[in-house]
């Protein structure tokens, strides 16, 4: 989801046709929102792995 937002916003920003300022502003916000969603998703996945390894080590 985050990658889709970021890439869609970047595609709108890179269009060689002149777009209204509102569209460009929304595209910029989409890039930022997509980047934040992707970063949070990666942080959650990275945080979950050490817990799983710790639980597996405790069970042995």
C-alpha atoms as a PDB file:
ATOM      1  CA  UNK A   1       0.000   0.000   0.000  1.00  0.00           C
ATOM      2  CA  UNK A   2       2.722   2.443   0.962  1.00  0.00           C
ATOM      3  CA  UNK A   3       4.811   1.663  -2.088  1.00  0.00           C
ATOM      4  CA  UNK A   4       1.756   2.180  -4.296  1.00  0.00           C
ATOM      5  CA  UNK A   5       1.084   5.601  -2.787  1.00  0.00           C
ATOM      6  CA  UNK A   6       4.690   6.676  -3.097  1.00  0.00           C
ATOM      7  CA  UNK A   7       5.099   5.453  -6.658  1.00  0.00           C
ATOM      8  CA  UNK A   8       1.762   6.897  -7.772  1.00  0.00           C
ATOM      9  CA  UNK A   9       2.632  10.272  -6.296  1.00  0.00           C
ATOM     10  CA  UNK A  10       6.083  10.200  -7.855  1.00  0.00           C
ATOM     11  CA  UNK A  11       4.576   9.335 -11.232  1.00  0.00           C
ATOM     12  CA  UNK A  12       2.264  12.342 -11.025  1.00  0.00           C
ATOM     13  CA  UNK A  13       5.154  14.590 -10.047  1.00  0.00           C
ATOM     14  CA  UNK A  14       7.232  13.342 -12.984  1.00  0.00           C
ATOM     15  CA  UNK A  15       4.544  13.832 -15.663  1.00  0.00           C
ATOM     16  CA  UNK A  16       5.903  16.103 -18.401  1.00  0.00           C
ATOM     17  CA  UNK A  17       2.487  17.789 -18.796  1.00  0.00           C
ATOM     18  CA  UNK A  18       1.604  20.851 -16.718  1.00  0.00           C
ATOM     19  CA  UNK A  19      -0.799  19.839 -13.966  1.00  0.00           C
ATOM     20  CA  UNK A  20      -2.782  22.065 -11.592  1.00  0.00           C
ATOM     21  CA  UNK A  21      -1.061  23.020  -8.354  1.00  0.00           C
ATOM     22  CA  UNK A  22      -3.664  21.118  -6.321  1.00  0.00           C
ATOM     23  CA  UNK A  23      -2.813  17.865  -8.107  1.00  0.00           C
ATOM     24  CA  UNK A  24       0.903  18.417  -7.568  1.00  0.00           C
ATOM     25  CA  UNK A  25       0.352  19.165  -3.884  1.00  0.00           C
ATOM     26  CA  UNK A  26      -1.712  16.006  -3.452  1.00  0.00           C
ATOM     27  CA  UNK A  27       0.947  14.010  -5.294  1.00  0.00           C
ATOM     28  CA  UNK A  28       3.581  15.350  -2.906  1.00  0.00           C
ATOM     29  CA  UNK A  29       1.469  14.388   0.076  1.00  0.00           C
ATOM     30  CA  UNK A  30       0.936  10.924  -1.428  1.00  0.00           C
ATOM     31  CA  UNK A  31       4.695  10.440  -1.735  1.00  0.00           C
ATOM     32  CA  UNK A  32       5.229  11.425   1.895  1.00  0.00           C
ATOM     33  CA  UNK A  33       2.318   9.321   3.156  1.00  0.00           C
ATOM     34  CA  UNK A  34       3.487   6.319   1.146  1.00  0.00           C
ATOM     35  CA  UNK A  35       6.994   6.668   2.506  1.00  0.00           C
ATOM     36  CA  UNK A  36       5.713   6.865   6.084  1.00  0.00           C
ATOM     37  CA  UNK A  37       3.440   3.837   5.652  1.00  0.00           C
ATOM     38  CA  UNK A  38       6.299   1.838   4.162  1.00  0.00           C
ATOM     39  CA  UNK A  39       8.687   2.825   6.965  1.00  0.00           C
ATOM     40  CA  UNK A  40       6.160   1.930   9.673  1.00  0.00           C
ATOM     41  CA  UNK A  41       5.458  -1.390   7.982  1.00  0.00           C
ATOM     42  CA  UNK A  42       9.152  -2.224   7.851  1.00  0.00           C
ATOM     43  CA  UNK A  43       9.610  -1.220  11.489  1.00  0.00           C
ATOM     44  CA  UNK A  44       6.761  -3.466  12.596  1.00  0.00           C
ATOM     45  CA  UNK A  45       8.134  -6.419  10.630  1.00  0.00           C
ATOM     46  CA  UNK A  46      11.664  -5.826  11.934  1.00  0.00           C
ATOM     47  CA  UNK A  47      10.370  -5.534  15.493  1.00  0.00           C
ATOM     48  CA  UNK A  48       8.393  -8.769  15.265  1.00  0.00           C
ATOM     49  CA  UNK A  49      11.345 -10.952  14.245  1.00  0.00           C
ATOM     50  CA  UNK A  50      13.445 -10.625  17.439  1.00  0.00           C
ATOM     51  CA  UNK A  51      10.436 -11.589  19.579  1.00  0.00           C
ATOM     52  CA  UNK A  52       9.862 -14.730  17.534  1.00  0.00           C
ATOM     53  CA  UNK A  53      13.524 -15.717  17.801  1.00  0.00           C
ATOM     54  CA  UNK A  54      13.511 -15.095  21.560  1.00  0.00           C
ATOM     55  CA  UNK A  55      10.392 -17.205  22.053  1.00  0.00           C
ATOM     56  CA  UNK A  56      11.836 -20.020  19.939  1.00  0.00           C
ATOM     57  CA  UNK A  57      15.078 -19.965  21.952  1.00  0.00           C
ATOM     58  CA  UNK A  58      13.148 -20.021  25.241  1.00  0.00           C
ATOM     59  CA  UNK A  59      11.143 -23.069  24.165  1.00  0.00           C
ATOM     60  CA  UNK A  60      14.288 -25.085  23.461  1.00  0.00           C
END
